[in-house]
């Protein structure tokens, strides 16, 4: 596939078609990898994608208990007032 390099202010860039963006799930950012005379664009996945569904599944299975106490027994919040 061939595409033109276009001027963007003092820089230059390239335009990726909607088809390519959709096919490779490219949203707002890509990682640029320079390797052996090639430029590779790699989509950056959302780091917390699908966490909400996973948390709901854990809750339904009863697997979301705290492993440590949320507040330590000897903690005194009065001294912070």
PDB file of N, CA and C in Angstrom:
ATOM      1  N   UNK A   1       0.841  -1.167   0.000  1.00  0.00           N
ATOM      2  CA  UNK A   1       0.000   0.000   0.000  1.00  0.00           C
ATOM      3  C   UNK A   1       0.889   1.233   0.000  1.00  0.00           C
ATOM      4  N   UNK A   2       0.493   2.223  -0.712  1.00  0.00           N
ATOM      5  CA  UNK A   2       1.256   3.465  -0.801  1.00  0.00           C
ATOM      6  C   UNK A   2       0.391   4.616  -0.329  1.00  0.00           C
ATOM      7  N   UNK A   3       0.997   5.533   0.413  1.00  0.00           N
ATOM      8  CA  UNK A   3       0.283   6.726   0.882  1.00  0.00           C
ATOM      9  C   UNK A   3       1.232   7.912   0.837  1.00  0.00           C
ATOM     10  N   UNK A   4       0.676   9.101   0.720  1.00  0.00           N
ATOM     11  CA  UNK A   4       1.494  10.309   0.609  1.00  0.00           C
ATOM     12  C   UNK A   4       1.845  10.854   1.992  1.00  0.00           C
ATOM     13  N   UNK A   5       3.013  11.467   2.080  1.00  0.00           N
ATOM     14  CA  UNK A   5       3.424  12.199   3.273  1.00  0.00           C
ATOM     15  C   UNK A   5       2.927  13.628   3.090  1.00  0.00           C
ATOM     16  N   UNK A   6       2.232  14.163   4.099  1.00  0.00           N
ATOM     17  CA  UNK A   6       1.662  15.497   3.971  1.00  0.00           C
ATOM     18  C   UNK A   6       2.296  16.454   4.971  1.00  0.00           C
ATOM     19  N   UNK A   7       2.254  17.747   4.652  1.00  0.00           N
ATOM     20  CA  UNK A   7       2.812  18.771   5.521  1.00  0.00           C
ATOM     21  C   UNK A   7       1.792  19.108   6.609  1.00  0.00           C
ATOM     22  N   UNK A   8       2.267  19.110   7.867  1.00  0.00           N
ATOM     23  CA  UNK A   8       1.437  19.485   9.017  1.00  0.00           C
ATOM     24  C   UNK A   8       2.243  20.501   9.815  1.00  0.00           C
ATOM     25  N   UNK A   9       1.990  21.782   9.591  1.00  0.00           N
ATOM     26  CA  UNK A   9       2.781  22.827  10.240  1.00  0.00           C
ATOM     27  C   UNK A   9       4.225  22.725   9.795  1.00  0.00           C
ATOM     28  N   UNK A  10       5.161  22.670  10.761  1.00  0.00           N
ATOM     29  CA  UNK A  10       6.574  22.515  10.441  1.00  0.00           C
ATOM     30  C   UNK A  10       6.973  21.048  10.300  1.00  0.00           C
ATOM     31  N   UNK A  11       6.039  20.153  10.511  1.00  0.00           N
ATOM     32  CA  UNK A  11       6.317  18.714  10.466  1.00  0.00           C
ATOM     33  C   UNK A  11       5.663  18.098   9.246  1.00  0.00           C
ATOM     34  N   UNK A  12       5.777  16.797   9.154  1.00  0.00           N
ATOM     35  CA  UNK A  12       5.093  16.044   8.105  1.00  0.00           C
ATOM     36  C   UNK A  12       4.451  14.832   8.740  1.00  0.00           C
ATOM     37  N   UNK A  13       3.434  14.311   8.104  1.00  0.00           N
ATOM     38  CA  UNK A  13       2.728  13.158   8.641  1.00  0.00           C
ATOM     39  C   UNK A  13       2.107  12.336   7.537  1.00  0.00           C
ATOM     40  N   UNK A  14       1.440  11.287   7.927  1.00  0.00           N
ATOM     41  CA  UNK A  14       0.725  10.481   6.956  1.00  0.00           C
ATOM     42  C   UNK A  14      -0.681  10.238   7.448  1.00  0.00           C
ATOM     43  N   UNK A  15      -1.588   9.981   6.527  1.00  0.00           N
ATOM     44  CA  UNK A  15      -2.989   9.777   6.855  1.00  0.00           C
ATOM     45  C   UNK A  15      -3.292   8.294   6.733  1.00  0.00           C
ATOM     46  N   UNK A  16      -3.903   7.736   7.783  1.00  0.00           N
ATOM     47  CA  UNK A  16      -4.330   6.345   7.753  1.00  0.00           C
ATOM     48  C   UNK A  16      -5.832   6.322   7.500  1.00  0.00           C
ATOM     49  N   UNK A  17      -6.262   5.484   6.590  1.00  0.00           N
ATOM     50  CA  UNK A  17      -7.678   5.418   6.246  1.00  0.00           C
ATOM     51  C   UNK A  17      -8.493   4.868   7.417  1.00  0.00           C
ATOM     52  N   UNK A  18      -9.785   5.156   7.408  1.00  0.00           N
ATOM     53  CA  UNK A  18     -10.685   4.653   8.444  1.00  0.00           C
ATOM     54  C   UNK A  18     -10.668   3.128   8.457  1.00  0.00           C
ATOM     55  N   UNK A  19     -10.549   2.520   7.300  1.00  0.00           N
ATOM     56  CA  UNK A  19     -10.500   1.059   7.212  1.00  0.00           C
ATOM     57  C   UNK A  19      -9.318   0.506   7.994  1.00  0.00           C
ATOM     58  N   UNK A  20      -8.141   1.108   7.832  1.00  0.00           N
ATOM     59  CA  UNK A  20      -6.940   0.661   8.553  1.00  0.00           C
ATOM     60  C   UNK A  20      -7.107   0.915  10.051  1.00  0.00           C
ATOM     61  N   UNK A  21      -7.614   2.091  10.418  1.00  0.00           N
ATOM     62  CA  UNK A  21      -7.819   2.417  11.833  1.00  0.00           C
ATOM     63  C   UNK A  21      -8.757   1.410  12.499  1.00  0.00           C
ATOM     64  N   UNK A  22      -9.838   1.073  11.811  1.00  0.00           N
ATOM     65  CA  UNK A  22     -10.802   0.110  12.360  1.00  0.00           C
ATOM     66  C   UNK A  22     -10.226  -1.301  12.408  1.00  0.00           C
ATOM     67  N   UNK A  23      -9.573  -1.718  11.328  1.00  0.00           N
ATOM     68  CA  UNK A  23      -9.051  -3.086  11.229  1.00  0.00           C
ATOM     69  C   UNK A  23      -8.008  -3.370  12.309  1.00  0.00           C
ATOM     70  N   UNK A  24      -7.170  -2.375  12.621  1.00  0.00           N
ATOM     71  CA  UNK A  24      -6.105  -2.577  13.596  1.00  0.00           C
ATOM     72  C   UNK A  24      -6.420  -1.955  14.953  1.00  0.00           C
ATOM     73  N   UNK A  25      -7.664  -1.519  15.122  1.00  0.00           N
ATOM     74  CA  UNK A  25      -8.142  -0.965  16.389  1.00  0.00           C
ATOM     75  C   UNK A  25      -7.250   0.177  16.887  1.00  0.00           C
ATOM     76  N   UNK A  26      -6.921   1.088  15.996  1.00  0.00           N
ATOM     77  CA  UNK A  26      -6.093   2.245  16.337  1.00  0.00           C
ATOM     78  C   UNK A  26      -7.032   3.372  16.770  1.00  0.00           C
ATOM     79  N   UNK A  27      -6.826   3.866  17.990  1.00  0.00           N
ATOM     80  CA  UNK A  27      -7.687   4.925  18.522  1.00  0.00           C
ATOM     81  C   UNK A  27      -6.955   6.266  18.483  1.00  0.00           C
ATOM     82  N   UNK A  28      -6.296   6.645  19.569  1.00  0.00           N
ATOM     83  CA  UNK A  28      -5.668   7.958  19.667  1.00  0.00           C
ATOM     84  C   UNK A  28      -4.158   7.933  19.551  1.00  0.00           C
ATOM     85  N   UNK A  29      -3.537   6.794  19.886  1.00  0.00           N
ATOM     86  CA  UNK A  29      -2.077   6.741  19.914  1.00  0.00           C
ATOM     87  C   UNK A  29      -1.563   5.450  19.286  1.00  0.00           C
ATOM     88  N   UNK A  30      -0.347   5.518  18.759  1.00  0.00           N
ATOM     89  CA  UNK A  30       0.360   4.336  18.281  1.00  0.00           C
ATOM     90  C   UNK A  30       1.781   4.376  18.820  1.00  0.00           C
ATOM     91  N   UNK A  31       2.378   3.219  18.960  1.00  0.00           N
ATOM     92  CA  UNK A  31       3.790   3.126  19.311  1.00  0.00           C
ATOM     93  C   UNK A  31       4.565   3.072  18.003  1.00  0.00           C
ATOM     94  N   UNK A  32       5.639   3.850  17.895  1.00  0.00           N
ATOM     95  CA  UNK A  32       6.477   3.842  16.699  1.00  0.00           C
ATOM     96  C   UNK A  32       7.716   3.021  17.011  1.00  0.00           C
ATOM     97  N   UNK A  33       7.941   1.981  16.221  1.00  0.00           N
ATOM     98  CA  UNK A  33       9.098   1.107  16.410  1.00  0.00           C
ATOM     99  C   UNK A  33       9.981   1.248  15.173  1.00  0.00           C
ATOM    100  N   UNK A  34      11.235   1.631  15.400  1.00  0.00           N
ATOM    101  CA  UNK A  34      12.203   1.743  14.305  1.00  0.00           C
ATOM    102  C   UNK A  34      13.074   0.502  14.343  1.00  0.00           C
ATOM    103  N   UNK A  35      12.996  -0.304  13.287  1.00  0.00           N
ATOM    104  CA  UNK A  35      13.652  -1.608  13.324  1.00  0.00           C
ATOM    105  C   UNK A  35      14.153  -2.009  11.943  1.00  0.00           C
ATOM    106  N   UNK A  36      15.441  -2.187  11.834  1.00  0.00           N
ATOM    107  CA  UNK A  36      16.072  -2.713  10.612  1.00  0.00           C
ATOM    108  C   UNK A  36      15.553  -2.034   9.333  1.00  0.00           C
ATOM    109  N   UNK A  37      15.598  -0.703   9.314  1.00  0.00           N
ATOM    110  CA  UNK A  37      15.199   0.039   8.123  1.00  0.00           C
ATOM    111  C   UNK A  37      13.695   0.123   7.911  1.00  0.00           C
ATOM    112  N   UNK A  38      12.909  -0.231   8.920  1.00  0.00           N
ATOM    113  CA  UNK A  38      11.452  -0.177   8.810  1.00  0.00           C
ATOM    114  C   UNK A  38      10.878   0.693   9.925  1.00  0.00           C
ATOM    115  N   UNK A  39       9.742   1.276   9.645  1.00  0.00           N
ATOM    116  CA  UNK A  39       8.983   1.997  10.662  1.00  0.00           C
ATOM    117  C   UNK A  39       7.719   1.183  10.899  1.00  0.00           C
ATOM    118  N   UNK A  40       7.523   0.754  12.135  1.00  0.00           N
ATOM    119  CA  UNK A  40       6.370  -0.065  12.477  1.00  0.00           C
ATOM    120  C   UNK A  40       5.464   0.744  13.396  1.00  0.00           C
ATOM    121  N   UNK A  41       4.186   0.812  13.056  1.00  0.00           N
ATOM    122  CA  UNK A  41       3.190   1.467  13.897  1.00  0.00           C
ATOM    123  C   UNK A  41       2.405   0.383  14.615  1.00  0.00           C
ATOM    124  N   UNK A  42       2.407   0.442  15.937  1.00  0.00           N
ATOM    125  CA  UNK A  42       1.721  -0.577  16.734  1.00  0.00           C
ATOM    126  C   UNK A  42       0.652   0.106  17.576  1.00  0.00           C
ATOM    127  N   UNK A  43      -0.610  -0.345  17.474  1.00  0.00           N
ATOM    128  CA  UNK A  43      -1.667   0.269  18.279  1.00  0.00           C
ATOM    129  C   UNK A  43      -1.353   0.147  19.766  1.00  0.00           C
ATOM    130  N   UNK A  44      -1.683   1.187  20.521  1.00  0.00           N
ATOM    131  CA  UNK A  44      -1.526   1.141  21.973  1.00  0.00           C
ATOM    132  C   UNK A  44      -2.900   0.826  22.554  1.00  0.00           C
ATOM    133  N   UNK A  45      -2.980  -0.317  23.184  1.00  0.00           N
ATOM    134  CA  UNK A  45      -4.250  -0.733  23.776  1.00  0.00           C
ATOM    135  C   UNK A  45      -4.517   0.049  25.050  1.00  0.00           C
ATOM    136  N   UNK A  46      -5.779   0.236  25.347  1.00  0.00           N
ATOM    137  CA  UNK A  46      -6.151   0.895  26.601  1.00  0.00           C
ATOM    138  C   UNK A  46      -5.753  -0.014  27.751  1.00  0.00           C
ATOM    139  N   UNK A  47      -4.926   0.456  28.690  1.00  0.00           N
ATOM    140  CA  UNK A  47      -4.410  -0.430  29.739  1.00  0.00           C
ATOM    141  C   UNK A  47      -5.478  -0.986  30.674  1.00  0.00           C
ATOM    142  N   UNK A  48      -6.594  -0.301  30.825  1.00  0.00           N
ATOM    143  CA  UNK A  48      -7.636  -0.770  31.747  1.00  0.00           C
ATOM    144  C   UNK A  48      -8.894  -1.204  31.009  1.00  0.00           C
ATOM    145  N   UNK A  49      -8.735  -1.523  29.735  1.00  0.00           N
ATOM    146  CA  UNK A  49      -9.866  -1.951  28.927  1.00  0.00           C
ATOM    147  C   UNK A  49     -10.494  -3.216  29.516  1.00  0.00           C
ATOM    148  N   UNK A  50     -11.793  -3.239  29.605  1.00  0.00           N
ATOM    149  CA  UNK A  50     -12.582  -4.378  30.097  1.00  0.00           C
ATOM    150  C   UNK A  50     -12.434  -4.642  31.583  1.00  0.00           C
ATOM    151  N   UNK A  51     -11.822  -3.748  32.343  1.00  0.00           N
ATOM    152  CA  UNK A  51     -11.684  -3.956  33.789  1.00  0.00           C
ATOM    153  C   UNK A  51     -13.051  -3.981  34.455  1.00  0.00           C
ATOM    154  N   UNK A  52     -13.959  -3.109  34.029  1.00  0.00           N
ATOM    155  CA  UNK A  52     -15.265  -3.040  34.674  1.00  0.00           C
ATOM    156  C   UNK A  52     -15.988  -4.376  34.579  1.00  0.00           C
ATOM    157  N   UNK A  53     -15.966  -5.001  33.406  1.00  0.00           N
ATOM    158  CA  UNK A  53     -16.614  -6.308  33.229  1.00  0.00           C
ATOM    159  C   UNK A  53     -15.927  -7.370  34.082  1.00  0.00           C
ATOM    160  N   UNK A  54     -14.611  -7.312  34.177  1.00  0.00           N
ATOM    161  CA  UNK A  54     -13.870  -8.288  34.983  1.00  0.00           C
ATOM    162  C   UNK A  54     -14.198  -8.124  36.465  1.00  0.00           C
ATOM    163  N   UNK A  55     -14.329  -6.877  36.923  1.00  0.00           N
ATOM    164  CA  UNK A  55     -14.670  -6.632  38.322  1.00  0.00           C
ATOM    165  C   UNK A  55     -16.080  -7.127  38.637  1.00  0.00           C
ATOM    166  N   UNK A  56     -17.008  -6.916  37.709  1.00  0.00           N
ATOM    167  CA  UNK A  56     -18.376  -7.404  37.914  1.00  0.00           C
ATOM    168  C   UNK A  56     -18.393  -8.930  37.992  1.00  0.00           C
ATOM    169  N   UNK A  57     -17.593  -9.573  37.155  1.00  0.00           N
ATOM    170  CA  UNK A  57     -17.507 -11.041  37.161  1.00  0.00           C
ATOM    171  C   UNK A  57     -16.912 -11.532  38.488  1.00  0.00           C
ATOM    172  N   UNK A  58     -15.871 -10.846  38.969  1.00  0.00           N
ATOM    173  CA  UNK A  58     -15.275 -11.209  40.258  1.00  0.00           C
ATOM    174  C   UNK A  58     -16.293 -11.056  41.385  1.00  0.00           C
ATOM    175  N   UNK A  59     -17.060  -9.965  41.361  1.00  0.00           N
ATOM    176  CA  UNK A  59     -18.058  -9.715  42.393  1.00  0.00           C
ATOM    177  C   UNK A  59     -19.132 -10.791  42.377  1.00  0.00           C
ATOM    178  N   UNK A  60     -19.593 -11.168  41.198  1.00  0.00           N
ATOM    179  CA  UNK A  60     -20.625 -12.198  41.072  1.00  0.00           C
ATOM    180  C   UNK A  60     -20.131 -13.543  41.610  1.00  0.00           C
ATOM    181  N   UNK A  61     -18.829 -13.797  41.458  1.00  0.00           N
ATOM    182  CA  UNK A  61     -18.246 -15.055  41.930  1.00  0.00           C
ATOM    183  C   UNK A  61     -17.830 -14.972  43.403  1.00  0.00           C
ATOM    184  N   UNK A  62     -18.010 -13.792  44.034  1.00  0.00           N
ATOM    185  CA  UNK A  62     -17.605 -13.613  45.429  1.00  0.00           C
ATOM    186  C   UNK A  62     -16.099 -13.592  45.608  1.00  0.00           C
ATOM    187  N   UNK A  63     -15.396 -13.205  44.554  1.00  0.00           N
ATOM    188  CA  UNK A  63     -13.933 -13.223  44.572  1.00  0.00           C
ATOM    189  C   UNK A  63     -13.354 -11.815  44.639  1.00  0.00           C
ATOM    190  N   UNK A  64     -14.042 -10.913  45.353  1.00  0.00           N
ATOM    191  CA  UNK A  64     -13.562  -9.538  45.427  1.00  0.00           C
ATOM    192  C   UNK A  64     -13.389  -9.060  46.864  1.00  0.00           C
ATOM    193  N   UNK A  65     -13.017  -9.968  47.738  1.00  0.00           N
ATOM    194  CA  UNK A  65     -12.796  -9.604  49.135  1.00  0.00           C
ATOM    195  C   UNK A  65     -11.438  -8.925  49.295  1.00  0.00           C
ATOM    196  N   UNK A  66     -11.367  -8.005  50.265  1.00  0.00           N
ATOM    197  CA  UNK A  66     -10.103  -7.345  50.560  1.00  0.00           C
ATOM    198  C   UNK A  66      -9.134  -8.356  51.162  1.00  0.00           C
ATOM    199  N   UNK A  67      -7.885  -8.315  50.757  1.00  0.00           N
ATOM    200  CA  UNK A  67      -6.878  -9.229  51.289  1.00  0.00           C
ATOM    201  C   UNK A  67      -6.232  -8.689  52.560  1.00  0.00           C
ATOM    202  N   UNK A  68      -6.293  -7.366  52.719  1.00  0.00           N
ATOM    203  CA  UNK A  68      -5.802  -6.747  53.953  1.00  0.00           C
ATOM    204  C   UNK A  68      -6.887  -5.796  54.446  1.00  0.00           C
ATOM    205  N   UNK A  69      -6.820  -5.448  55.713  1.00  0.00           N
ATOM    206  CA  UNK A  69      -7.801  -4.509  56.254  1.00  0.00           C
ATOM    207  C   UNK A  69      -7.662  -3.155  55.570  1.00  0.00           C
ATOM    208  N   UNK A  70      -8.792  -2.525  55.282  1.00  0.00           N
ATOM    209  CA  UNK A  70      -8.780  -1.220  54.632  1.00  0.00           C
ATOM    210  C   UNK A  70      -8.207  -0.160  55.558  1.00  0.00           C
ATOM    211  N   UNK A  71      -8.435  -0.283  56.851  1.00  0.00           N
ATOM    212  CA  UNK A  71      -7.917   0.654  57.843  1.00  0.00           C
ATOM    213  C   UNK A  71      -7.208  -0.167  58.919  1.00  0.00           C
ATOM    214  N   UNK A  72      -6.016   0.229  59.245  1.00  0.00           N
ATOM    215  CA  UNK A  72      -5.273  -0.482  60.275  1.00  0.00           C
ATOM    216  C   UNK A  72      -5.898  -0.219  61.642  1.00  0.00           C
ATOM    217  N   UNK A  73      -5.864  -1.215  62.492  1.00  0.00           N
ATOM    218  CA  UNK A  73      -6.526  -1.117  63.782  1.00  0.00           C
ATOM    219  C   UNK A  73      -5.981   0.011  64.650  1.00  0.00           C
ATOM    220  N   UNK A  74      -4.681   0.303  64.563  1.00  0.00           N
ATOM    221  CA  UNK A  74      -4.090   1.329  65.425  1.00  0.00           C
ATOM    222  C   UNK A  74      -4.069   2.715  64.772  1.00  0.00           C
ATOM    223  N   UNK A  75      -4.738   2.856  63.633  1.00  0.00           N
ATOM    224  CA  UNK A  75      -4.721   4.133  62.933  1.00  0.00           C
ATOM    225  C   UNK A  75      -5.636   5.133  63.641  1.00  0.00           C
ATOM    226  N   UNK A  76      -5.151   6.352  63.814  1.00  0.00           N
ATOM    227  CA  UNK A  76      -5.894   7.382  64.526  1.00  0.00           C
ATOM    228  C   UNK A  76      -6.128   8.558  63.573  1.00  0.00           C
ATOM    229  N   UNK A  77      -7.367   8.719  63.114  1.00  0.00           N
ATOM    230  CA  UNK A  77      -7.673   9.783  62.193  1.00  0.00           C
ATOM    231  C   UNK A  77      -7.856  11.123  62.899  1.00  0.00           C
ATOM    232  N   UNK A  78      -8.030  11.121  64.204  1.00  0.00           N
ATOM    233  CA  UNK A  78      -8.213  12.366  64.949  1.00  0.00           C
ATOM    234  C   UNK A  78      -7.016  13.289  64.848  1.00  0.00           C
ATOM    235  N   UNK A  79      -5.817  12.716  64.785  1.00  0.00           N
ATOM    236  CA  UNK A  79      -4.626  13.571  64.743  1.00  0.00           C
ATOM    237  C   UNK A  79      -4.473  14.299  63.413  1.00  0.00           C
ATOM    238  N   UNK A  80      -5.288  13.954  62.403  1.00  0.00           N
ATOM    239  CA  UNK A  80      -5.231  14.622  61.104  1.00  0.00           C
ATOM    240  C   UNK A  80      -6.173  15.812  61.039  1.00  0.00           C
ATOM    241  N   UNK A  81      -6.982  15.993  62.044  1.00  0.00           N
ATOM    242  CA  UNK A  81      -7.952  17.106  62.027  1.00  0.00           C
ATOM    243  C   UNK A  81      -7.350  18.368  62.529  1.00  0.00           C
TER     244      UNK A  81
END
